[in-house]
Amino acid sequence: MTSKDLFDLTGRLAMITGSSQGIGFSLAEALASAGAAVVLTGRDEGKLEAAALALREKGYAVHCAAFDVTDAGAAAQAVARVEKDVGQIDVLVNNAGMQFRAPLEAFPIDRWEQIFRTNVASAFFVSQPVAKSMIARRRGKIINVASVQSELARPGIAPYTASKGALKSLTRGMCADWAKYGLQINALAPGYFRTPLNQALTEDVDFCAWLEKRTPAGRWGEVAELAGAAIFLASDASSFVNGHTLYVDGGITVSL
């Protein structure tokens, strides 16, 4: 197998949750550029179709599945529909996530529960039915999108930090249970990237100045810079990488 073959995703189907915009859309485009057919998912059918059209105009094979990842039943039904109508899922990227900022002493309980259901529970809800099919085939890739907040904390986002730490641990747990069946389950942990989720921060002059000083690379990341890591984790190049969290963060997790 050549080095080019190692990263080739031709003939594989990848489903990416929360992929109508931001990091999810960028990851879908990356996997499509490596040859995969992709399934975009989200709750808003209009946004999904617009995202799919943008990728189809580049010549990529794209499908859509609108459902709520925080609803376990809906997730299982969506996976079944995709596998019946499109094909077996070879790569699953659990990217759906949310953020809400507030001091911890005043953090709304309903928002706490919503963050954990969106950022952690959804990864289990979607992965379980996908993994059952992968286990039967003795092959599959699951990529959970974690964060630098899997390791670090900032004021005002303790629940988000806790959820991303939990997702890192869930990745390890999935590996412990499913690696023996031929699955590779890893996490991709972005640093600070310019995305709709971070819009409030990208517009904060003081925060941007702090971030540029705090990050060894001295800047925000651009979502296209996640492509290589995503393709690596989705491809045969990572066939013996399991339970790992890959930080793509400009060095922020290694510097004080």
C-alpha atoms as a PDB file:
ATOM      1  CA  MET A   1       0.000   0.000   0.000  1.00  0.00           C
ATOM      2  CA  THR A   2       1.377   3.409  -0.980  1.00  0.00           C
ATOM      3  CA  SER A   3       1.263   6.463   1.254  1.00  0.00           C
ATOM      4  CA  LYS A   4      -1.462   7.869  -1.016  1.00  0.00           C
ATOM      5  CA  ASP A   5      -3.511   4.700  -0.594  1.00  0.00           C
ATOM      6  CA  LEU A   6      -3.273   4.957   3.195  1.00  0.00           C
ATOM      7  CA  PHE A   7      -5.251   8.206   3.175  1.00  0.00           C
ATOM      8  CA  ASP A   8      -7.659   7.300   0.361  1.00  0.00           C
ATOM      9  CA  LEU A   9     -11.328   7.176   1.414  1.00  0.00           C
ATOM     10  CA  THR A  10     -12.725   6.245  -1.985  1.00  0.00           C
ATOM     11  CA  GLY A  11     -15.713   3.915  -1.689  1.00  0.00           C
ATOM     12  CA  ARG A  12     -16.396   4.747   1.951  1.00  0.00           C
ATOM     13  CA  LEU A  13     -19.389   6.475   3.469  1.00  0.00           C
ATOM     14  CA  ALA A  14     -18.890   9.019   6.230  1.00  0.00           C
ATOM     15  CA  MET A  15     -21.666  10.497   8.377  1.00  0.00           C
ATOM     16  CA  ILE A  16     -20.901  13.772  10.161  1.00  0.00           C
ATOM     17  CA  THR A  17     -23.289  15.108  12.797  1.00  0.00           C
ATOM     18  CA  GLY A  18     -23.885  18.839  13.074  1.00  0.00           C
ATOM     19  CA  SER A  19     -22.417  19.403   9.619  1.00  0.00           C
ATOM     20  CA  SER A  20     -24.467  22.160   8.000  1.00  0.00           C
ATOM     21  CA  GLN A  21     -21.895  24.789   9.023  1.00  0.00           C
ATOM     22  CA  GLY A  22     -18.679  25.448  10.921  1.00  0.00           C
ATOM     23  CA  ILE A  23     -16.309  22.666  11.871  1.00  0.00           C
ATOM     24  CA  GLY A  24     -18.766  19.918  10.930  1.00  0.00           C
ATOM     25  CA  PHE A  25     -19.119  21.244   7.395  1.00  0.00           C
ATOM     26  CA  SER A  26     -15.352  21.614   7.081  1.00  0.00           C
ATOM     27  CA  LEU A  27     -14.796  18.032   8.247  1.00  0.00           C
ATOM     28  CA  ALA A  28     -17.381  16.759   5.760  1.00  0.00           C
ATOM     29  CA  GLU A  29     -15.630  18.619   2.957  1.00  0.00           C
ATOM     30  CA  ALA A  30     -12.269  17.212   4.049  1.00  0.00           C
ATOM     31  CA  LEU A  31     -13.475  13.610   3.998  1.00  0.00           C
ATOM     32  CA  ALA A  32     -15.220  14.165   0.658  1.00  0.00           C
ATOM     33  CA  SER A  33     -11.994  15.577  -0.786  1.00  0.00           C
ATOM     34  CA  ALA A  34     -10.287  12.295   0.179  1.00  0.00           C
ATOM     35  CA  GLY A  35     -12.868  10.315  -1.789  1.00  0.00           C
ATOM     36  CA  ALA A  36     -15.623   9.549   0.706  1.00  0.00           C
ATOM     37  CA  ALA A  37     -19.313   9.977   0.068  1.00  0.00           C
ATOM     38  CA  VAL A  38     -20.686  12.005   2.967  1.00  0.00           C
ATOM     39  CA  VAL A  39     -23.948  12.238   4.892  1.00  0.00           C
ATOM     40  CA  LEU A  40     -24.604  15.660   6.395  1.00  0.00           C
ATOM     41  CA  THR A  41     -26.831  15.735   9.460  1.00  0.00           C
ATOM     42  CA  GLY A  42     -28.575  18.424  11.473  1.00  0.00           C
ATOM     43  CA  ARG A  43     -32.043  19.534  12.537  1.00  0.00           C
ATOM     44  CA  ASP A  44     -32.595  22.246   9.911  1.00  0.00           C
ATOM     45  CA  GLU A  45     -33.385  20.680   6.529  1.00  0.00           C
ATOM     46  CA  GLY A  46     -32.954  24.004   4.727  1.00  0.00           C
ATOM     47  CA  LYS A  47     -29.446  24.550   6.077  1.00  0.00           C
ATOM     48  CA  LEU A  48     -28.539  20.939   5.298  1.00  0.00           C
ATOM     49  CA  GLU A  49     -29.661  21.227   1.688  1.00  0.00           C
ATOM     50  CA  ALA A  50     -27.743  24.489   1.242  1.00  0.00           C
ATOM     51  CA  ALA A  51     -24.598  22.866   2.653  1.00  0.00           C
ATOM     52  CA  ALA A  52     -25.098  19.787   0.472  1.00  0.00           C
ATOM     53  CA  LEU A  53     -25.491  21.952  -2.626  1.00  0.00           C
ATOM     54  CA  ALA A  54     -22.222  23.742  -1.874  1.00  0.00           C
ATOM     55  CA  LEU A  55     -20.398  20.401  -1.732  1.00  0.00           C
ATOM     56  CA  ARG A  56     -22.165  18.913  -4.753  1.00  0.00           C
ATOM     57  CA  GLU A  57     -21.075  21.914  -6.805  1.00  0.00           C
ATOM     58  CA  LYS A  58     -17.505  20.769  -6.133  1.00  0.00           C
ATOM     59  CA  GLY A  59     -18.320  17.313  -7.470  1.00  0.00           C
ATOM     60  CA  TYR A  60     -18.692  15.490  -4.170  1.00  0.00           C
ATOM     61  CA  ALA A  61     -21.244  12.756  -3.406  1.00  0.00           C
ATOM     62  CA  VAL A  62     -23.452  14.141  -0.643  1.00  0.00           C
ATOM     63  CA  HIS A  63     -26.564  12.929   1.190  1.00  0.00           C
ATOM     64  CA  CYS A  64     -28.581  14.522   3.985  1.00  0.00           C
ATOM     65  CA  ALA A  65     -30.262  13.145   7.100  1.00  0.00           C
ATOM     66  CA  ALA A  66     -32.266  15.594   9.200  1.00  0.00           C
ATOM     67  CA  PHE A  67     -32.766  14.491  12.807  1.00  0.00           C
ATOM     68  CA  ASP A  68     -32.144  15.556  16.402  1.00  0.00           C
ATOM     69  CA  VAL A  69     -29.019  13.857  17.773  1.00  0.00           C
ATOM     70  CA  THR A  70     -30.224  14.416  21.347  1.00  0.00           C
ATOM     71  CA  ASP A  71     -33.176  12.074  20.708  1.00  0.00           C
ATOM     72  CA  ALA A  72     -31.913   8.490  20.998  1.00  0.00           C
ATOM     73  CA  GLY A  73     -34.866   7.036  19.104  1.00  0.00           C
ATOM     74  CA  ALA A  74     -34.570   9.546  16.277  1.00  0.00           C
ATOM     75  CA  ALA A  75     -30.839   8.875  16.039  1.00  0.00           C
ATOM     76  CA  ALA A  76     -31.345   5.109  15.759  1.00  0.00           C
ATOM     77  CA  GLN A  77     -34.044   5.563  13.126  1.00  0.00           C
ATOM     78  CA  ALA A  78     -31.856   7.949  11.117  1.00  0.00           C
ATOM     79  CA  VAL A  79     -28.919   5.541  11.157  1.00  0.00           C
ATOM     80  CA  ALA A  80     -31.208   2.732   9.977  1.00  0.00           C
ATOM     81  CA  ARG A  81     -32.527   4.913   7.129  1.00  0.00           C
ATOM     82  CA  VAL A  82     -29.048   5.884   5.999  1.00  0.00           C
ATOM     83  CA  GLU A  83     -27.843   2.291   6.017  1.00  0.00           C
ATOM     84  CA  LYS A  84     -30.953   1.157   4.113  1.00  0.00           C
ATOM     85  CA  ASP A  85     -31.126   3.973   1.546  1.00  0.00           C
ATOM     86  CA  VAL A  86     -27.490   5.038   1.139  1.00  0.00           C
ATOM     87  CA  GLY A  87     -25.182   2.317   2.439  1.00  0.00           C
ATOM     88  CA  GLN A  88     -23.155   1.109   5.379  1.00  0.00           C
ATOM     89  CA  ILE A  89     -21.507   3.824   7.450  1.00  0.00           C
ATOM     90  CA  ASP A  90     -17.742   3.353   7.410  1.00  0.00           C
ATOM     91  CA  VAL A  91     -16.844   6.563   9.249  1.00  0.00           C
ATOM     92  CA  LEU A  92     -18.868   8.364  11.899  1.00  0.00           C
ATOM     93  CA  VAL A  93     -17.873  11.839  13.071  1.00  0.00           C
ATOM     94  CA  ASN A  94     -19.698  12.966  16.219  1.00  0.00           C
ATOM     95  CA  ASN A  95     -19.365  16.710  15.810  1.00  0.00           C
ATOM     96  CA  ALA A  96     -22.718  18.070  17.037  1.00  0.00           C
ATOM     97  CA  GLY A  97     -22.182  20.384  19.970  1.00  0.00           C
ATOM     98  CA  MET A  98     -23.273  23.573  21.690  1.00  0.00           C
ATOM     99  CA  GLN A  99     -21.964  26.253  24.029  1.00  0.00           C
ATOM    100  CA  PHE A 100     -23.579  28.510  26.627  1.00  0.00           C
ATOM    101  CA  ARG A 101     -21.628  30.941  28.751  1.00  0.00           C
ATOM    102  CA  ALA A 102     -22.540  32.003  32.297  1.00  0.00           C
ATOM    103  CA  PRO A 103     -20.896  32.121  35.746  1.00  0.00           C
ATOM    104  CA  LEU A 104     -21.079  28.662  37.289  1.00  0.00           C
ATOM    105  CA  GLU A 105     -22.876  29.909  40.412  1.00  0.00           C
ATOM    106  CA  ALA A 106     -25.666  31.249  38.195  1.00  0.00           C
ATOM    107  CA  PHE A 107     -25.594  28.603  35.473  1.00  0.00           C
ATOM    108  CA  PRO A 108     -29.156  27.544  34.493  1.00  0.00           C
ATOM    109  CA  ILE A 109     -29.884  23.900  35.251  1.00  0.00           C
ATOM    110  CA  ASP A 110     -31.728  23.417  31.969  1.00  0.00           C
ATOM    111  CA  ARG A 111     -28.711  24.682  30.042  1.00  0.00           C
ATOM    112  CA  TRP A 112     -26.412  22.304  31.962  1.00  0.00           C
ATOM    113  CA  GLU A 113     -28.606  19.380  30.971  1.00  0.00           C
ATOM    114  CA  GLN A 114     -28.865  20.591  27.380  1.00  0.00           C
ATOM    115  CA  ILE A 115     -25.079  20.887  27.038  1.00  0.00           C
ATOM    116  CA  PHE A 116     -24.475  17.358  28.297  1.00  0.00           C
ATOM    117  CA  ARG A 117     -27.226  15.878  26.149  1.00  0.00           C
ATOM    118  CA  THR A 118     -25.870  17.655  23.064  1.00  0.00           C
ATOM    119  CA  ASN A 119     -22.137  17.296  23.628  1.00  0.00           C
ATOM    120  CA  VAL A 120     -21.925  13.863  25.272  1.00  0.00           C
ATOM    121  CA  ALA A 121     -25.146  11.857  25.151  1.00  0.00           C
ATOM    122  CA  SER A 122     -25.633  12.476  21.432  1.00  0.00           C
ATOM    123  CA  ALA A 123     -22.273  10.872  20.676  1.00  0.00           C
ATOM    124  CA  PHE A 124     -23.463   7.714  22.417  1.00  0.00           C
ATOM    125  CA  PHE A 125     -26.941   7.860  20.879  1.00  0.00           C
ATOM    126  CA  VAL A 126     -25.543   7.948  17.334  1.00  0.00           C
ATOM    127  CA  SER A 127     -22.500   5.749  17.900  1.00  0.00           C
ATOM    128  CA  GLN A 128     -24.356   2.804  19.410  1.00  0.00           C
ATOM    129  CA  PRO A 129     -26.461   1.894  16.348  1.00  0.00           C
ATOM    130  CA  VAL A 130     -23.595   2.696  13.983  1.00  0.00           C
ATOM    131  CA  ALA A 131     -21.198   0.562  16.013  1.00  0.00           C
ATOM    132  CA  LYS A 132     -23.533  -2.432  15.948  1.00  0.00           C
ATOM    133  CA  SER A 133     -23.254  -2.543  12.161  1.00  0.00           C
ATOM    134  CA  MET A 134     -19.507  -1.875  12.261  1.00  0.00           C
ATOM    135  CA  ILE A 135     -19.020  -4.687  14.761  1.00  0.00           C
ATOM    136  CA  ALA A 136     -20.832  -7.094  12.454  1.00  0.00           C
ATOM    137  CA  ARG A 137     -18.431  -6.099   9.653  1.00  0.00           C
ATOM    138  CA  ARG A 138     -15.370  -6.063  11.967  1.00  0.00           C
ATOM    139  CA  ARG A 139     -14.417  -2.634  10.650  1.00  0.00           C
ATOM    140  CA  GLY A 140     -15.203   1.043  11.263  1.00  0.00           C
ATOM    141  CA  LYS A 141     -13.996   4.465  12.335  1.00  0.00           C
ATOM    142  CA  ILE A 142     -15.595   6.729  14.928  1.00  0.00           C
ATOM    143  CA  ILE A 143     -14.237  10.227  15.505  1.00  0.00           C
ATOM    144  CA  ASN A 144     -15.546  12.245  18.433  1.00  0.00           C
ATOM    145  CA  VAL A 145     -14.954  15.984  18.194  1.00  0.00           C
ATOM    146  CA  ALA A 146     -13.596  16.996  21.589  1.00  0.00           C
ATOM    147  CA  SER A 147     -11.859  20.309  22.400  1.00  0.00           C
ATOM    148  CA  VAL A 148      -8.915  21.911  24.147  1.00  0.00           C
ATOM    149  CA  GLN A 149     -11.502  22.222  26.916  1.00  0.00           C
ATOM    150  CA  SER A 150     -11.124  18.474  27.334  1.00  0.00           C
ATOM    151  CA  GLU A 151      -7.902  19.506  29.126  1.00  0.00           C
ATOM    152  CA  LEU A 152      -8.249  23.191  29.996  1.00  0.00           C
ATOM    153  CA  ALA A 153     -10.829  25.412  31.679  1.00  0.00           C
ATOM    154  CA  ARG A 154     -11.888  29.032  31.398  1.00  0.00           C
ATOM    155  CA  PRO A 155     -14.302  31.079  33.530  1.00  0.00           C
ATOM    156  CA  GLY A 156     -17.933  30.903  32.454  1.00  0.00           C
ATOM    157  CA  ILE A 157     -17.856  27.589  30.577  1.00  0.00           C
ATOM    158  CA  ALA A 158     -17.450  24.937  33.279  1.00  0.00           C
ATOM    159  CA  PRO A 159     -20.318  22.741  31.962  1.00  0.00           C
ATOM    160  CA  TYR A 160     -18.883  22.842  28.436  1.00  0.00           C
ATOM    161  CA  THR A 161     -15.455  21.933  29.839  1.00  0.00           C
ATOM    162  CA  ALA A 162     -16.972  19.063  31.812  1.00  0.00           C
ATOM    163  CA  SER A 163     -18.850  17.804  28.749  1.00  0.00           C
ATOM    164  CA  LYS A 164     -15.767  17.819  26.549  1.00  0.00           C
ATOM    165  CA  GLY A 165     -13.761  16.079  29.260  1.00  0.00           C
ATOM    166  CA  ALA A 166     -16.498  13.461  29.406  1.00  0.00           C
ATOM    167  CA  LEU A 167     -16.378  13.049  25.633  1.00  0.00           C
ATOM    168  CA  LYS A 168     -12.645  12.386  25.813  1.00  0.00           C
ATOM    169  CA  SER A 169     -13.308   9.695  28.435  1.00  0.00           C
ATOM    170  CA  LEU A 170     -16.182   8.270  26.391  1.00  0.00           C
ATOM    171  CA  THR A 171     -13.758   7.944  23.477  1.00  0.00           C
ATOM    172  CA  ARG A 172     -11.480   5.847  25.661  1.00  0.00           C
ATOM    173  CA  GLY A 173     -14.424   3.771  26.850  1.00  0.00           C
ATOM    174  CA  MET A 174     -15.593   3.125  23.280  1.00  0.00           C
ATOM    175  CA  CYS A 175     -12.085   1.983  22.426  1.00  0.00           C
ATOM    176  CA  ALA A 176     -11.979  -0.347  25.432  1.00  0.00           C
ATOM    177  CA  ASP A 177     -15.257  -1.971  24.363  1.00  0.00           C
ATOM    178  CA  TRP A 178     -15.066  -1.917  20.574  1.00  0.00           C
ATOM    179  CA  ALA A 179     -11.409  -2.077  19.490  1.00  0.00           C
ATOM    180  CA  LYS A 180     -11.499  -5.854  19.771  1.00  0.00           C
ATOM    181  CA  TYR A 181     -14.055  -5.880  16.947  1.00  0.00           C
ATOM    182  CA  GLY A 182     -11.776  -4.027  14.550  1.00  0.00           C
ATOM    183  CA  LEU A 183     -13.053  -0.505  15.216  1.00  0.00           C
ATOM    184  CA  GLN A 184     -10.856   2.543  15.754  1.00  0.00           C
ATOM    185  CA  ILE A 185     -12.387   5.219  17.972  1.00  0.00           C
ATOM    186  CA  ASN A 186     -10.476   8.446  18.474  1.00  0.00           C
ATOM    187  CA  ALA A 187     -11.133  12.077  19.321  1.00  0.00           C
ATOM    188  CA  LEU A 188     -10.196  15.163  17.352  1.00  0.00           C
ATOM    189  CA  ALA A 189      -9.730  18.134  19.683  1.00  0.00           C
ATOM    190  CA  PRO A 190      -9.675  21.555  18.023  1.00  0.00           C
ATOM    191  CA  GLY A 191      -8.236  24.604  19.714  1.00  0.00           C
ATOM    192  CA  TYR A 192      -9.679  28.033  19.066  1.00  0.00           C
ATOM    193  CA  PHE A 193     -11.039  28.216  15.523  1.00  0.00           C
ATOM    194  CA  ARG A 194     -13.072  30.883  13.779  1.00  0.00           C
ATOM    195  CA  THR A 195     -16.541  29.300  13.696  1.00  0.00           C
ATOM    196  CA  PRO A 196     -20.150  30.393  14.355  1.00  0.00           C
ATOM    197  CA  LEU A 197     -19.901  28.742  17.800  1.00  0.00           C
ATOM    198  CA  ASN A 198     -17.035  31.111  18.663  1.00  0.00           C
ATOM    199  CA  GLN A 199     -18.480  34.232  17.068  1.00  0.00           C
ATOM    200  CA  ALA A 200     -18.776  36.074  20.388  1.00  0.00           C
ATOM    201  CA  LEU A 201     -15.101  35.435  21.092  1.00  0.00           C
ATOM    202  CA  THR A 202     -13.835  36.300  17.624  1.00  0.00           C
ATOM    203  CA  GLU A 203     -15.571  39.679  17.956  1.00  0.00           C
ATOM    204  CA  ASP A 204     -14.031  40.340  21.383  1.00  0.00           C
ATOM    205  CA  VAL A 205     -10.885  42.411  20.837  1.00  0.00           C
ATOM    206  CA  ASP A 206      -9.504  41.767  24.317  1.00  0.00           C
ATOM    207  CA  PHE A 207     -10.058  38.022  24.056  1.00  0.00           C
ATOM    208  CA  CYS A 208      -8.375  37.876  20.643  1.00  0.00           C
ATOM    209  CA  ALA A 209      -5.341  39.697  22.033  1.00  0.00           C
ATOM    210  CA  TRP A 210      -5.189  37.295  24.992  1.00  0.00           C
ATOM    211  CA  LEU A 211      -5.534  34.247  22.747  1.00  0.00           C
ATOM    212  CA  GLU A 212      -2.788  35.338  20.381  1.00  0.00           C
ATOM    213  CA  LYS A 213      -0.418  35.751  23.333  1.00  0.00           C
ATOM    214  CA  ARG A 214      -1.546  32.520  25.007  1.00  0.00           C
ATOM    215  CA  THR A 215      -1.209  30.312  21.900  1.00  0.00           C
ATOM    216  CA  PRO A 216       2.360  29.437  20.826  1.00  0.00           C
ATOM    217  CA  ALA A 217       1.306  29.699  17.163  1.00  0.00           C
ATOM    218  CA  GLY A 218       0.112  33.219  17.916  1.00  0.00           C
ATOM    219  CA  ARG A 219      -3.242  33.108  16.121  1.00  0.00           C
ATOM    220  CA  TRP A 220      -6.705  31.591  15.706  1.00  0.00           C
ATOM    221  CA  GLY A 221      -6.958  28.344  13.754  1.00  0.00           C
ATOM    222  CA  GLU A 222      -8.731  28.168  10.411  1.00  0.00           C
ATOM    223  CA  VAL A 223     -11.186  25.297   9.991  1.00  0.00           C
ATOM    224  CA  ALA A 224      -9.410  24.039   6.858  1.00  0.00           C
ATOM    225  CA  GLU A 225      -6.460  23.185   9.121  1.00  0.00           C
ATOM    226  CA  LEU A 226      -8.489  20.348  10.654  1.00  0.00           C
ATOM    227  CA  ALA A 227      -8.679  18.503   7.330  1.00  0.00           C
ATOM    228  CA  GLY A 228      -5.445  16.543   7.582  1.00  0.00           C
ATOM    229  CA  ALA A 229      -6.122  15.274  11.080  1.00  0.00           C
ATOM    230  CA  ALA A 230      -9.662  14.248  10.161  1.00  0.00           C
ATOM    231  CA  ILE A 231      -8.550  12.357   7.061  1.00  0.00           C
ATOM    232  CA  PHE A 232      -5.808  10.639   9.068  1.00  0.00           C
ATOM    233  CA  LEU A 233      -8.238   9.431  11.755  1.00  0.00           C
ATOM    234  CA  ALA A 234     -10.807   8.323   9.143  1.00  0.00           C
ATOM    235  CA  SER A 235      -8.348   6.426   6.973  1.00  0.00           C
ATOM    236  CA  ASP A 236      -6.222   3.288   7.059  1.00  0.00           C
ATOM    237  CA  ALA A 237      -3.278   5.488   8.037  1.00  0.00           C
ATOM    238  CA  SER A 238      -4.559   5.337  11.640  1.00  0.00           C
ATOM    239  CA  SER A 239      -5.285   1.596  11.711  1.00  0.00           C
ATOM    240  CA  PHE A 240      -3.477   1.086  15.057  1.00  0.00           C
ATOM    241  CA  VAL A 241      -4.394   4.432  16.638  1.00  0.00           C
ATOM    242  CA  ASN A 242      -7.146   3.840  19.170  1.00  0.00           C
ATOM    243  CA  GLY A 243      -8.606   5.709  22.122  1.00  0.00           C
ATOM    244  CA  HIS A 244      -6.400   8.691  21.328  1.00  0.00           C
ATOM    245  CA  THR A 245      -7.227  12.395  21.490  1.00  0.00           C
ATOM    246  CA  LEU A 246      -5.483  14.382  18.774  1.00  0.00           C
ATOM    247  CA  TYR A 247      -5.145  18.080  19.635  1.00  0.00           C
ATOM    248  CA  VAL A 248      -5.065  20.528  16.744  1.00  0.00           C
ATOM    249  CA  ASP A 249      -4.625  23.688  18.757  1.00  0.00           C
ATOM    250  CA  GLY A 250      -1.545  25.685  17.768  1.00  0.00           C
ATOM    251  CA  GLY A 251       0.172  24.407  20.923  1.00  0.00           C
ATOM    252  CA  ILE A 252      -2.154  25.984  23.495  1.00  0.00           C
ATOM    253  CA  THR A 253      -2.434  22.783  25.558  1.00  0.00           C
ATOM    254  CA  VAL A 254       1.340  22.526  26.038  1.00  0.00           C
ATOM    255  CA  SER A 255       2.161  26.070  27.076  1.00  0.00           C
ATOM    256  CA  LEU A 256       1.556  28.111  30.229  1.00  0.00           C
END
